[in-house]
Amino acid sequence: MSPEAPVPLALPFGAMGLVGGCLAADQLAVPEPALRLLLTSITPVVAALLGSYLTGRIGGVAAGARAGDAGRGAGAGASAGWAGGTALVEGPGQWTQRGPIVAGLLALGAIGVAGVANGMAIGVMFGPPGLVVGAAFGAVYSLPFMPALAVVLLAASRVGRARAGSIVAASDRRAVWGATAGVIAVAVLAARAWIGAHVAADLGHVVAGVGLAVVGALVVADAVAMARVMKLPRGRMEVGESGDGGEAGEAGEVGEGGARRAERAARADGQGASGGAGTPERVDLGLGDEVHVEVVRPTHVYRGVRQVARVVRGNRERAVAALRGALVRGGIALSAGAALWAWGAPWQ
């Protein structure tokens, strides 16, 4: 899968559909084993199909336009995509590019249609009356799914705002799975605490615990990524030490071409941050097009070759803000899960 492709939503939606189907069966106290089996088997399939349908429409990078990147080139690329007449009808992110309101309404409409289809698929076993009743129940029971799926879609809509393979892009892709795990954990705990769903004690503990553990692990990953970005110097980056006690080193904001020329010069002299490979460390923050080249002056007065130690592309402040937002969202999910866990305990 291309690193610029949207995160596939079939599996996250299918997992939420499975949990939602089980909670709905418990809340309705469905006595018929066959009907309960249909509810818990058809719902995740329909949800997975919905996720597959929405994958190419929410988030990702469309041809000629990068959603959410406010850099200088982003606006020009988006204009080219709109002028070409293809950005809104094909390629990833076609709903996202229409704006958050339109994309949100289209997504909610798709969830409602999926709920009606799910109810009709379950009610078909009861004949024509079952189709009508199933459609009505499906429409009603799609409402609790809307906020849950919307949280995951909101996370998916951020995928593609940063350059593929960058620090922020990796965080955005992790956020989709973090949102899925958080929603599942909170849904199970809330169902037990608020509506008294008869979720099995052991199973409920396992599902909620695994979900919160996944969220916690991804929060740690985002914290590590943010610490890495925070270690980067602000503005001009200087390292090393000059032989005469003068300015330690020099670095500056240059164009991409200047960065490449500096790297070629370092490789030609057999110097580099790795000590022998001649290739400097490359760090892509993902947001912004600035390129900072960190140059180290020689420590020996008779060795006059300067080294390119690190090339950083992107805006540090924007990357920190994006990672901070991911940490805040993860913290909210963990706090909500912990509060609901304490409220619903002991599980009986």
Protein backbone atom coordinates (compact mmCIF):
# COMPACT_ATOMS: atom_id res chain seq x y z
CA MET A 1 0.00 0.00 0.00
CA SER A 2 1.33 3.43 -0.93
CA PRO A 3 2.26 5.62 2.06
CA GLU A 4 0.15 8.37 0.48
CA ALA A 5 -2.95 6.17 0.25
CA PRO A 6 -5.76 6.66 2.79
CA VAL A 7 -5.88 4.27 5.72
CA PRO A 8 -8.28 1.40 4.81
CA LEU A 9 -11.39 1.78 6.95
CA ALA A 10 -12.95 -1.64 6.30
CA LEU A 11 -11.28 -3.31 9.29
CA PRO A 12 -11.84 -0.45 11.79
CA PHE A 13 -15.47 -0.08 10.77
CA GLY A 14 -15.98 -3.85 10.80
CA ALA A 15 -14.61 -4.08 14.35
CA MET A 16 -16.91 -1.29 15.51
CA GLY A 17 -19.82 -2.96 13.73
CA LEU A 18 -19.15 -6.22 15.56
CA VAL A 19 -19.07 -4.50 18.94
CA GLY A 20 -22.10 -2.37 18.06
CA GLY A 21 -24.08 -5.42 16.92
CA CYS A 22 -23.33 -7.23 20.17
CA LEU A 23 -24.31 -4.19 22.23
CA ALA A 24 -27.52 -3.73 20.24
CA ALA A 25 -28.45 -7.39 20.74
CA ASP A 26 -27.88 -7.05 24.48
CA GLN A 27 -29.76 -3.77 24.74
CA LEU A 28 -32.73 -5.19 22.82
CA ALA A 29 -32.51 -8.45 24.83
CA VAL A 30 -32.95 -10.45 21.63
CA PRO A 31 -34.14 -13.91 22.75
CA GLU A 32 -33.99 -15.66 19.37
CA PRO A 33 -30.51 -17.18 18.79
CA ALA A 34 -30.90 -16.99 15.01
CA LEU A 35 -31.82 -13.30 15.10
CA ARG A 36 -28.97 -12.55 17.50
CA LEU A 37 -26.56 -14.36 15.19
CA LEU A 38 -27.80 -12.34 12.21
CA LEU A 39 -27.45 -9.09 14.14
CA THR A 40 -23.89 -9.83 15.23
CA SER A 41 -22.74 -11.22 11.89
CA ILE A 42 -24.42 -8.98 9.30
CA THR A 43 -23.74 -5.71 11.13
CA PRO A 44 -19.92 -5.97 10.96
CA VAL A 45 -20.09 -6.99 7.30
CA VAL A 46 -22.24 -3.97 6.40
CA ALA A 47 -19.99 -1.73 8.50
CA ALA A 48 -16.89 -3.06 6.74
CA LEU A 49 -18.47 -2.41 3.35
CA LEU A 50 -19.30 1.12 4.50
CA GLY A 51 -15.70 1.61 5.61
CA SER A 52 -14.43 0.37 2.26
CA TYR A 53 -16.75 2.81 0.49
CA LEU A 54 -15.63 5.76 2.60
CA THR A 55 -11.90 4.96 2.38
CA GLY A 56 -11.51 6.58 -1.03
CA ARG A 57 -13.60 9.59 -0.09
CA ILE A 58 -12.29 10.71 3.31
CA GLY A 59 -8.66 11.69 3.77
CA GLY A 60 -5.69 10.78 1.62
CA VAL A 61 -3.89 12.74 -1.06
CA ALA A 62 -5.76 13.58 -4.25
CA ALA A 63 -4.01 14.05 -7.56
CA GLY A 64 -2.79 17.62 -7.68
CA ALA A 65 -3.99 18.63 -4.20
CA ARG A 66 -2.81 17.78 -0.69
CA ALA A 67 -5.65 18.16 1.77
CA GLY A 68 -4.90 20.33 4.76
CA ASP A 69 -1.37 21.42 3.82
CA ALA A 70 -1.42 25.19 4.07
CA GLY A 71 2.02 25.64 2.56
CA ARG A 72 2.65 27.81 -0.46
CA GLY A 73 2.50 24.92 -2.90
CA ALA A 74 -0.63 23.44 -1.42
CA GLY A 75 -2.93 26.18 -2.63
CA ALA A 76 -1.52 26.08 -6.13
CA GLY A 77 -1.81 22.32 -6.29
CA ALA A 78 -5.40 22.39 -5.06
CA SER A 79 -6.30 25.03 -7.62
CA ALA A 80 -4.81 22.89 -10.36
CA GLY A 81 -6.81 19.87 -9.19
CA TRP A 82 -10.06 21.84 -9.14
CA ALA A 83 -9.35 23.44 -12.47
CA GLY A 84 -8.70 20.03 -13.99
CA GLY A 85 -12.17 18.91 -12.94
CA THR A 86 -10.97 15.56 -11.59
CA ALA A 87 -10.22 16.23 -7.92
CA LEU A 88 -13.87 15.99 -6.86
CA VAL A 89 -14.84 12.94 -8.87
CA GLU A 90 -11.94 10.54 -8.59
CA GLY A 91 -8.94 9.80 -6.41
CA PRO A 92 -8.60 9.83 -2.62
CA GLY A 93 -10.09 12.61 -0.55
CA GLN A 94 -12.82 13.59 -2.99
CA TRP A 95 -15.28 14.34 -0.18
CA THR A 96 -12.68 15.91 2.09
CA GLN A 97 -11.83 18.48 -0.58
CA ARG A 98 -15.40 19.75 -0.64
CA GLY A 99 -15.02 21.12 2.85
CA PRO A 100 -15.78 19.75 6.33
CA ILE A 101 -19.51 20.53 6.28
CA VAL A 102 -20.24 18.86 2.97
CA ALA A 103 -17.96 15.93 3.77
CA GLY A 104 -19.62 15.50 7.17
CA LEU A 105 -23.15 15.54 5.73
CA LEU A 106 -22.22 13.05 3.03
CA ALA A 107 -20.60 10.75 5.58
CA LEU A 108 -23.58 10.92 7.94
CA GLY A 109 -25.90 10.19 5.02
CA ALA A 110 -23.81 7.17 4.07
CA ILE A 111 -23.94 5.88 7.65
CA GLY A 112 -27.72 6.27 7.72
CA VAL A 113 -28.14 4.43 4.42
CA ALA A 114 -25.88 1.65 5.70
CA GLY A 115 -28.01 1.37 8.85
CA VAL A 116 -31.20 1.03 6.80
CA ALA A 117 -29.55 -1.59 4.57
CA ASN A 118 -28.34 -3.46 7.64
CA GLY A 119 -31.82 -3.53 9.17
CA MET A 120 -33.38 -4.73 5.93
CA ALA A 121 -30.76 -7.46 5.56
CA ILE A 122 -31.64 -8.72 9.05
CA GLY A 123 -35.39 -8.33 8.60
CA VAL A 124 -35.52 -10.16 5.28
CA MET A 125 -35.88 -13.47 7.15
CA PHE A 126 -39.35 -12.28 8.27
CA GLY A 127 -40.62 -11.53 4.78
CA PRO A 128 -41.88 -8.20 3.38
CA PRO A 129 -43.08 -6.90 6.79
CA GLY A 130 -39.63 -7.66 8.17
CA LEU A 131 -38.05 -5.49 5.51
CA VAL A 132 -40.15 -2.50 6.54
CA VAL A 133 -39.63 -3.02 10.27
CA GLY A 134 -35.94 -3.78 9.74
CA ALA A 135 -35.46 -0.59 7.72
CA ALA A 136 -37.06 1.47 10.50
CA PHE A 137 -34.98 -0.20 13.23
CA GLY A 138 -31.85 0.15 11.12
CA ALA A 139 -32.43 3.87 10.67
CA VAL A 140 -32.95 4.37 14.42
CA TYR A 141 -30.00 2.24 15.47
CA SER A 142 -27.69 3.94 12.99
CA LEU A 143 -27.87 7.08 15.16
CA PRO A 144 -25.56 5.75 17.93
CA PHE A 145 -23.11 4.67 15.24
CA MET A 146 -22.87 8.17 13.78
CA PRO A 147 -20.79 9.83 16.52
CA ALA A 148 -18.65 6.71 16.93
CA LEU A 149 -17.86 6.40 13.24
CA ALA A 150 -17.51 10.18 12.94
CA VAL A 151 -14.59 10.11 15.41
CA VAL A 152 -12.73 7.63 13.20
CA LEU A 153 -13.64 9.53 10.03
CA LEU A 154 -12.35 12.75 11.58
CA ALA A 155 -9.04 11.03 12.27
CA ALA A 156 -9.00 9.59 8.75
CA SER A 157 -9.62 13.03 7.26
CA ARG A 158 -6.24 14.20 8.59
CA VAL A 159 -4.37 11.50 6.69
CA GLY A 160 -2.71 13.13 3.71
CA ARG A 161 -2.22 16.58 5.19
CA ALA A 162 1.48 15.80 5.72
CA ARG A 163 4.06 14.43 3.30
CA ALA A 164 4.15 10.65 3.06
CA GLY A 165 6.71 9.03 5.32
CA SER A 166 7.09 12.09 7.55
CA ILE A 167 6.77 12.27 11.33
CA VAL A 168 3.33 13.92 11.26
CA ALA A 169 2.09 11.57 8.52
CA ALA A 170 2.98 8.53 10.66
CA SER A 171 1.15 10.07 13.63
CA ASP A 172 -1.94 10.76 11.49
CA ARG A 173 -2.06 7.17 10.27
CA ARG A 174 -1.70 5.82 13.81
CA ALA A 175 -4.51 8.11 14.94
CA VAL A 176 -7.07 6.18 12.86
CA TRP A 177 -6.36 2.99 14.80
CA GLY A 178 -6.16 4.89 18.06
CA ALA A 179 -9.58 6.42 17.42
CA THR A 180 -11.00 2.99 16.60
CA ALA A 181 -9.62 1.39 19.77
CA GLY A 182 -10.73 4.33 21.89
CA VAL A 183 -14.27 4.33 20.51
CA ILE A 184 -14.65 0.59 21.08
CA ALA A 185 -13.38 0.79 24.65
CA VAL A 186 -15.53 3.79 25.55
CA ALA A 187 -18.62 2.26 23.87
CA VAL A 188 -18.34 -0.97 25.85
CA LEU A 189 -17.77 0.86 29.12
CA ALA A 190 -20.53 3.40 28.47
CA ALA A 191 -23.01 0.66 27.56
CA ARG A 192 -22.35 -1.02 30.88
CA ALA A 193 -22.40 2.17 32.93
CA TRP A 194 -25.31 4.01 31.29
CA ILE A 195 -27.73 1.61 29.64
CA GLY A 196 -26.95 -1.52 31.63
CA ALA A 197 -26.08 -3.67 28.64
CA HIS A 198 -25.48 -7.26 29.74
CA VAL A 199 -21.96 -7.47 28.41
CA ALA A 200 -20.16 -10.49 29.83
CA ALA A 201 -17.88 -9.33 32.63
CA ASP A 202 -14.74 -11.06 31.41
CA LEU A 203 -15.30 -10.19 27.75
CA GLY A 204 -16.09 -6.59 28.60
CA HIS A 205 -12.90 -6.29 30.61
CA VAL A 206 -10.83 -7.77 27.81
CA VAL A 207 -12.32 -5.61 25.03
CA ALA A 208 -12.12 -2.38 27.01
CA GLY A 209 -8.68 -3.18 28.38
CA VAL A 210 -7.22 -4.01 24.97
CA GLY A 211 -8.74 -0.87 23.47
CA LEU A 212 -7.33 1.40 26.16
CA ALA A 213 -3.95 -0.36 25.96
CA VAL A 214 -3.79 0.30 22.22
CA VAL A 215 -4.63 3.96 22.77
CA GLY A 216 -1.97 4.19 25.47
CA ALA A 217 0.68 2.62 23.24
CA LEU A 218 -0.09 5.06 20.43
CA VAL A 219 0.03 7.99 22.85
CA VAL A 220 3.52 6.86 23.85
CA ALA A 221 4.53 6.67 20.19
CA ASP A 222 3.27 10.21 19.61
CA ALA A 223 5.08 11.42 22.73
CA VAL A 224 8.34 9.93 21.46
CA ALA A 225 7.81 11.57 18.08
CA MET A 226 7.09 14.92 19.71
CA ALA A 227 10.20 14.63 21.88
CA ARG A 228 12.24 14.01 18.75
CA VAL A 229 10.85 17.14 17.13
CA MET A 230 11.27 19.21 20.27
CA LYS A 231 14.97 18.36 20.34
CA LEU A 232 15.44 20.12 17.02
CA PRO A 233 16.83 23.63 17.57
CA ARG A 234 14.60 26.58 16.85
CA GLY A 235 15.56 28.68 13.85
CA ARG A 236 19.21 28.36 12.89
CA MET A 237 20.78 25.04 13.90
CA GLU A 238 24.40 25.04 14.98
CA VAL A 239 26.57 22.16 16.17
CA GLY A 240 30.27 21.37 16.40
CA GLU A 241 33.10 23.57 17.47
CA SER A 242 35.45 25.69 15.42
CA GLY A 243 39.18 25.30 15.79
CA ASP A 244 39.77 28.91 16.83
CA GLY A 245 36.95 29.17 19.32
CA GLY A 246 34.77 31.12 16.92
CA GLU A 247 31.22 30.36 15.88
CA ALA A 248 30.48 26.69 16.44
CA GLY A 249 28.81 25.87 13.20
CA GLU A 250 26.44 27.26 10.65
CA ALA A 251 23.07 26.31 9.32
CA GLY A 252 20.28 28.06 7.64
CA GLU A 253 17.00 27.86 5.80
CA VAL A 254 17.67 27.06 2.18
CA GLY A 255 15.80 25.77 -0.79
CA GLU A 256 15.56 22.12 -1.67
CA GLY A 257 18.18 22.60 -4.36
CA GLY A 258 20.61 24.13 -1.87
CA ALA A 259 20.10 21.21 0.50
CA ARG A 260 20.85 18.73 -2.26
CA ARG A 261 23.99 20.61 -3.29
CA ALA A 262 25.22 20.63 0.30
CA GLU A 263 24.61 16.90 0.59
CA ARG A 264 26.46 16.19 -2.65
CA ALA A 265 29.41 18.23 -1.42
CA ALA A 266 29.49 16.28 1.83
CA ARG A 267 29.38 12.94 0.03
CA ALA A 268 32.11 14.03 -2.36
CA ASP A 269 34.42 14.73 0.57
CA GLY A 270 33.58 11.44 2.22
CA GLN A 271 32.18 13.21 5.24
CA GLY A 272 28.75 12.93 6.92
CA ALA A 273 26.81 12.57 10.09
CA SER A 274 27.30 8.82 10.03
CA GLY A 275 31.06 9.20 9.99
CA GLY A 276 31.72 7.28 6.79
CA ALA A 277 28.61 6.83 4.74
CA GLY A 278 28.68 10.48 3.69
CA THR A 279 24.91 10.77 4.01
CA PRO A 280 23.49 13.28 6.51
CA GLU A 281 20.50 12.54 8.68
CA ARG A 282 17.27 13.50 6.97
CA VAL A 283 14.25 14.51 9.06
CA ASP A 284 10.91 15.24 7.39
CA LEU A 285 8.45 16.88 9.74
CA GLY A 286 5.69 16.69 7.14
CA LEU A 287 4.16 20.17 7.35
CA GLY A 288 5.73 23.16 5.65
CA ASP A 289 8.30 23.34 2.86
CA GLU A 290 11.21 24.99 4.68
CA VAL A 291 14.51 23.14 4.43
CA HIS A 292 17.14 23.64 7.15
CA VAL A 293 20.67 22.36 6.58
CA GLU A 294 22.88 21.83 9.61
CA VAL A 295 26.57 22.20 8.77
CA VAL A 296 29.36 21.22 11.15
CA ARG A 297 32.69 22.97 10.86
CA PRO A 298 35.80 20.80 11.28
CA THR A 299 37.20 20.47 14.78
CA HIS A 300 40.78 20.25 13.50
CA VAL A 301 42.33 23.41 12.12
CA TYR A 302 44.09 21.55 9.28
CA ARG A 303 41.00 19.71 8.13
CA GLY A 304 39.01 22.30 6.32
CA VAL A 305 36.08 20.25 5.05
CA ARG A 306 32.73 21.11 6.59
CA GLN A 307 30.14 18.39 7.05
CA VAL A 308 26.39 18.36 6.48
CA ALA A 309 25.12 16.71 9.64
CA ARG A 310 21.36 16.98 9.23
CA VAL A 311 18.75 18.16 6.76
CA VAL A 312 15.35 19.01 8.24
CA ARG A 313 12.38 19.68 6.02
CA GLY A 314 9.23 21.22 7.39
CA ASN A 315 8.02 23.71 9.96
CA ARG A 316 8.88 22.79 13.53
CA GLU A 317 6.03 24.77 15.14
CA ARG A 318 3.37 23.25 12.89
CA ALA A 319 4.68 19.75 13.51
CA VAL A 320 4.68 20.31 17.27
CA ALA A 321 1.11 21.62 17.12
CA ALA A 322 -0.05 18.57 15.14
CA LEU A 323 1.63 16.13 17.52
CA ARG A 324 0.33 18.02 20.55
CA GLY A 325 -3.19 17.69 19.16
CA ALA A 326 -2.71 13.93 18.79
CA LEU A 327 -1.52 13.69 22.40
CA VAL A 328 -4.49 15.71 23.66
CA ARG A 329 -6.97 13.50 21.79
CA GLY A 330 -5.30 10.36 23.12
CA GLY A 331 -5.33 11.77 26.64
CA ILE A 332 -9.04 12.53 26.38
CA ALA A 333 -9.79 8.97 25.24
CA LEU A 334 -7.75 7.49 28.09
CA SER A 335 -9.38 9.80 30.64
CA ALA A 336 -12.89 8.99 29.43
CA GLY A 337 -12.14 5.27 29.46
CA ALA A 338 -10.68 5.39 32.96
CA ALA A 339 -13.66 7.38 34.27
CA LEU A 340 -16.18 4.98 32.75
CA TRP A 341 -14.23 1.99 33.99
CA ALA A 342 -14.35 3.34 37.54
CA TRP A 343 -18.03 4.23 37.20
CA GLY A 344 -19.05 0.80 35.93
CA ALA A 345 -16.96 -1.23 38.38
CA PRO A 346 -17.43 -3.75 39.72
CA TRP A 347 -18.64 -5.66 36.68
CA GLN A 348 -21.45 -7.94 37.74
